[in-house]
Protein backbone atom coordinates (compact mmCIF):
# COMPACT_ATOMS: atom_id res chain seq x y z
CA MET A 1 0.00 0.00 0.00
CA ASP A 2 2.77 2.42 0.76
CA LYS A 3 4.41 1.91 -2.61
CA VAL A 4 1.12 2.34 -4.44
CA THR A 5 0.40 5.51 -2.50
CA VAL A 6 3.83 6.90 -3.37
CA PHE A 7 3.34 5.99 -6.99
CA ILE A 8 -0.07 7.65 -7.09
CA ALA A 9 1.31 10.71 -5.41
CA LEU A 10 4.19 10.95 -7.89
CA THR A 11 1.78 10.48 -10.74
CA GLY A 12 -0.45 13.24 -9.44
CA ILE A 13 2.51 15.56 -9.03
CA ALA A 14 3.61 14.80 -12.62
CA VAL A 15 0.11 15.52 -13.91
CA LEU A 16 0.01 18.80 -12.04
CA LEU A 17 3.39 19.75 -13.45
CA GLN A 18 2.21 18.97 -16.98
CA ALA A 19 -0.93 21.00 -16.36
CA GLY A 20 1.23 23.92 -15.16
CA ILE A 21 3.45 23.65 -18.18
CA LEU A 22 0.43 23.57 -20.45
CA MET A 23 -1.03 26.61 -18.75
CA ALA A 24 2.26 28.46 -19.09
CA MET A 25 2.41 27.53 -22.77
CA TYR A 26 -1.14 28.70 -23.22
CA PHE A 27 -0.43 32.10 -21.73
CA ALA A 28 2.80 32.41 -23.75
CA VAL A 29 1.00 31.56 -26.99
CA ARG A 30 -1.73 34.00 -26.10
CA LYS A 31 0.82 36.78 -25.56
CA SER A 32 2.53 35.86 -28.81
CA SER A 33 -0.78 35.93 -30.61
CA ALA A 34 -1.45 39.38 -29.23
CA ARG A 35 1.94 40.58 -30.42
CA ILE A 36 1.41 38.99 -33.84
CA GLU A 37 -1.96 40.67 -34.12
CA ALA A 38 -0.36 44.00 -33.22
CA VAL A 39 2.34 43.49 -35.81
CA ALA A 40 -0.26 42.49 -38.39
CA THR A 41 -2.21 45.60 -37.56
CA ASP A 42 0.92 47.73 -38.00
CA VAL A 43 1.63 46.02 -41.30
CA LYS A 44 -1.90 46.64 -42.48
CA THR A 45 -1.82 50.27 -41.44
CA LYS A 46 1.76 51.15 -42.57
CA VAL A 47 3.22 48.62 -44.97
CA LEU A 48 0.19 47.85 -47.08
CA PRO A 49 -0.39 51.52 -48.09
CA THR A 50 3.28 51.76 -49.04
CA ILE A 51 2.98 48.60 -51.11
CA GLU A 52 -0.13 49.94 -52.76
CA GLN A 53 1.65 53.23 -53.57
CA ALA A 54 4.63 51.36 -54.97
CA GLU A 55 2.33 49.22 -57.08
CA ALA A 56 0.56 52.33 -58.36
CA MET A 57 3.90 53.96 -59.17
CA LEU A 58 5.04 50.83 -60.98
CA THR A 59 1.79 50.83 -62.92
CA GLU A 60 2.38 54.44 -63.94
CA ILE A 61 6.11 54.00 -64.65
CA ARG A 62 5.79 50.72 -66.60
CA PRO A 63 4.85 52.42 -69.94
CA LYS A 64 7.65 54.92 -69.49
CA LEU A 65 10.08 52.14 -68.71
CA GLN A 66 8.94 50.30 -71.81
CA VAL A 67 9.47 53.45 -73.91
CA ILE A 68 12.91 53.98 -72.36
CA ALA A 69 13.85 50.37 -72.99
CA GLN A 70 12.64 50.63 -76.59
CA ASN A 71 14.54 53.88 -77.14
CA LEU A 72 17.63 52.36 -75.60
CA GLN A 73 17.34 49.37 -77.90
CA GLU A 74 16.89 51.63 -80.95
CA SER A 75 19.86 53.78 -79.86
CA THR A 76 21.98 50.68 -79.40
CA THR A 77 20.98 49.47 -82.88
CA MET A 78 21.78 52.86 -84.44
CA LEU A 79 25.06 53.05 -82.57
CA ARG A 80 25.99 49.57 -83.76
CA ASP A 81 25.17 50.58 -87.34
CA GLN A 82 27.23 53.77 -87.04
CA VAL A 83 30.15 51.83 -85.59
CA GLN A 84 29.96 49.36 -88.46
CA ARG A 85 29.89 52.23 -90.97
CA VAL A 86 32.83 53.96 -89.30
CA ASP A 87 34.70 50.67 -89.23
CA ALA A 88 34.05 50.14 -92.94
CA THR A 89 35.10 53.74 -93.70
CA VAL A 90 38.28 53.42 -91.67
CA ASN A 91 39.12 50.13 -93.38
CA ASP A 92 38.51 51.74 -96.77
CA VAL A 93 40.73 54.71 -95.87
CA VAL A 94 43.46 52.39 -94.59
CA ASP A 95 43.29 50.29 -97.76
CA ARG A 96 43.45 53.39 -99.97
CA GLY A 97 46.32 54.81 -97.94
CA ARG A 98 48.20 51.52 -98.20
CA LEU A 99 47.57 51.49 -101.97
CA GLN A 100 48.79 55.09 -102.32
CA ILE A 101 51.90 54.26 -100.29
CA ILE A 102 52.59 51.27 -102.55
CA ARG A 103 52.12 53.44 -105.65
CA ALA A 104 54.37 56.16 -104.24
CA ASP A 105 57.00 53.57 -103.42
CA GLU A 106 56.82 52.15 -106.94
CA LEU A 107 56.97 55.66 -108.44
CA LEU A 108 59.96 56.57 -106.29
CA THR A 109 61.69 53.32 -107.21
CA ARG A 110 61.10 53.88 -110.92
CA THR A 111 62.26 57.50 -110.62
CA LEU A 112 65.44 56.45 -108.83
CA ASP A 113 66.03 53.76 -111.46
CA ARG A 114 65.56 56.31 -114.23
CA VAL A 115 67.86 58.78 -112.50
CA GLU A 116 70.48 56.07 -112.05
CA HIS A 117 70.10 55.00 -115.69
CA THR A 118 70.31 58.64 -116.87
CA THR A 119 73.37 59.26 -114.69
CA GLU A 120 75.04 56.15 -116.06
CA MET A 121 74.16 57.13 -119.62
CA VAL A 122 75.48 60.69 -119.11
CA HIS A 123 78.62 59.27 -117.57
CA ASN A 124 79.13 56.88 -120.48
CA THR A 125 78.22 59.35 -123.25
CA VAL A 126 79.57 62.66 -121.90
CA ILE A 127 81.87 62.37 -118.92
CA SER A 128 83.95 59.43 -120.18
CA PRO A 129 84.62 61.04 -123.61
CA ILE A 130 85.42 64.35 -121.91
CA ARG A 131 87.87 62.60 -119.62
CA ARG A 132 89.42 60.80 -122.58
CA LEU A 133 89.61 64.06 -124.55
CA SER A 134 91.10 65.82 -121.51
CA GLY A 135 93.73 63.07 -121.21
CA LEU A 136 94.43 63.34 -124.93
CA MET A 137 94.75 67.13 -124.68
CA GLN A 138 97.08 66.78 -121.71
CA GLY A 139 99.19 64.29 -123.69
CA VAL A 140 99.27 66.65 -126.70
CA THR A 141 100.17 69.57 -124.42
CA VAL A 142 102.96 67.58 -122.80
CA GLY A 143 104.23 66.53 -126.24
CA LEU A 144 104.15 70.10 -127.54
CA GLU A 145 105.92 71.33 -124.43
CA PHE A 146 108.52 68.62 -124.86
CA LEU A 147 109.02 69.51 -128.53
CA SER A 148 109.18 73.21 -127.68
CA ALA A 149 111.75 72.54 -124.96
CA ALA A 150 113.77 70.37 -127.35
CA ALA A 151 113.63 73.10 -130.01
CA ASP A 152 114.76 75.71 -127.46
CA VAL A 153 117.63 73.46 -126.39
CA GLU A 154 118.68 72.89 -130.00
CA MET A 155 118.39 76.61 -130.79
CA ALA A 156 120.47 77.53 -127.74
CA ALA A 157 123.11 74.97 -128.74
CA ALA A 158 123.15 76.35 -132.30
CA GLU A 159 123.53 79.88 -130.98
CA ARG A 160 126.43 78.82 -128.77
CA ASN A 161 128.06 77.06 -131.68
CA ALA A 162 127.58 80.11 -133.93
CA VAL A 163 128.97 82.45 -131.30
CA GLN A 164 131.94 80.18 -130.74
CA TYR A 165 132.52 79.92 -134.47
CA HIS A 166 132.28 83.68 -134.95
CA LYS A 167 134.63 84.34 -132.04
CA THR A 168 137.10 81.97 -133.60
CA ARG A 169 136.86 83.79 -136.96
CA CYS A 170 136.99 87.21 -135.33
CA SER A 171 140.04 86.34 -133.28
CA SER A 172 141.81 85.08 -136.39
CA LYS A 173 140.86 87.92 -138.81
CA VAL A 174 140.31 91.08 -136.72
CA ALA A 175 142.94 93.04 -134.81
CA PRO A 176 143.26 92.11 -131.18
CA HIS A 177 142.23 95.56 -129.96
CA LEU A 178 138.82 95.31 -131.74
CA SER A 179 135.89 93.76 -129.89
CA CYS A 180 133.23 91.40 -131.27
CA PRO A 181 130.03 91.71 -129.21
CA ARG A 182 127.82 88.63 -128.71
CA ARG A 183 124.74 90.40 -130.07
CA GLN A 184 126.53 91.34 -133.33
CA ALA A 185 127.90 87.84 -133.63
CA THR A 186 124.42 86.49 -133.21
CA LEU A 187 123.03 88.87 -135.83
CA ILE A 188 125.90 88.28 -138.25
CA CYS A 189 126.08 84.55 -137.79
CA GLY A 190 122.35 83.99 -137.61
CA ALA A 191 122.35 83.09 -141.24
CA PHE A 192 124.56 80.10 -140.51
CA SER A 193 122.18 78.75 -137.81
CA PRO A 194 119.65 76.08 -138.82
CA PHE A 195 117.08 77.83 -136.53
CA PRO A 196 116.09 81.52 -136.56
CA ALA A 197 117.60 83.60 -133.79
CA LYS A 198 115.38 84.30 -130.72
CA ALA A 199 114.43 87.89 -130.07
CA SER A 200 116.33 89.49 -127.28
CA SER A 201 114.53 89.96 -124.00
CA GLN A 202 116.01 93.46 -123.68
């Protein structure tokens, strides 16, 4: 009996504890429900009007956004077309510039070739003959100078021989006190010289 009484008492205490816990949970849920209702009321009074205003603004702005998006798409398309045109124009200009550079290079090359050919032709047809003629004239001048120098040497030798011959004749035929100048001997004996007598420098 004692054990059964203890068991019943413990069981009763456990049931009371569970009842207390359930009561506490009930009051806590009730308080939470009150708070949730207050929050819901605040949401209804504050948040819902804001959401409705935002929805109205979106409804008003949606056509404008569609127009802006359409304009942006058209602008992007036009810009793409303009970029493609500019790209094509730039490529055309670059190709033409490259072609003009190639033509200028070919023209310059042909001009330099012609100048080189003309220079070579002038050198072969004008400068070389002039150089040959100049060398020939120098050779002729040297030959004439040599012949002139040889003639002068021969003339001087003939004059010395004539003077010596005349002095010999004068010393044998004329009195010792008479003189026989060199100029008179040259003039008198010039007829015996194979070359004409040179004019005096005096």
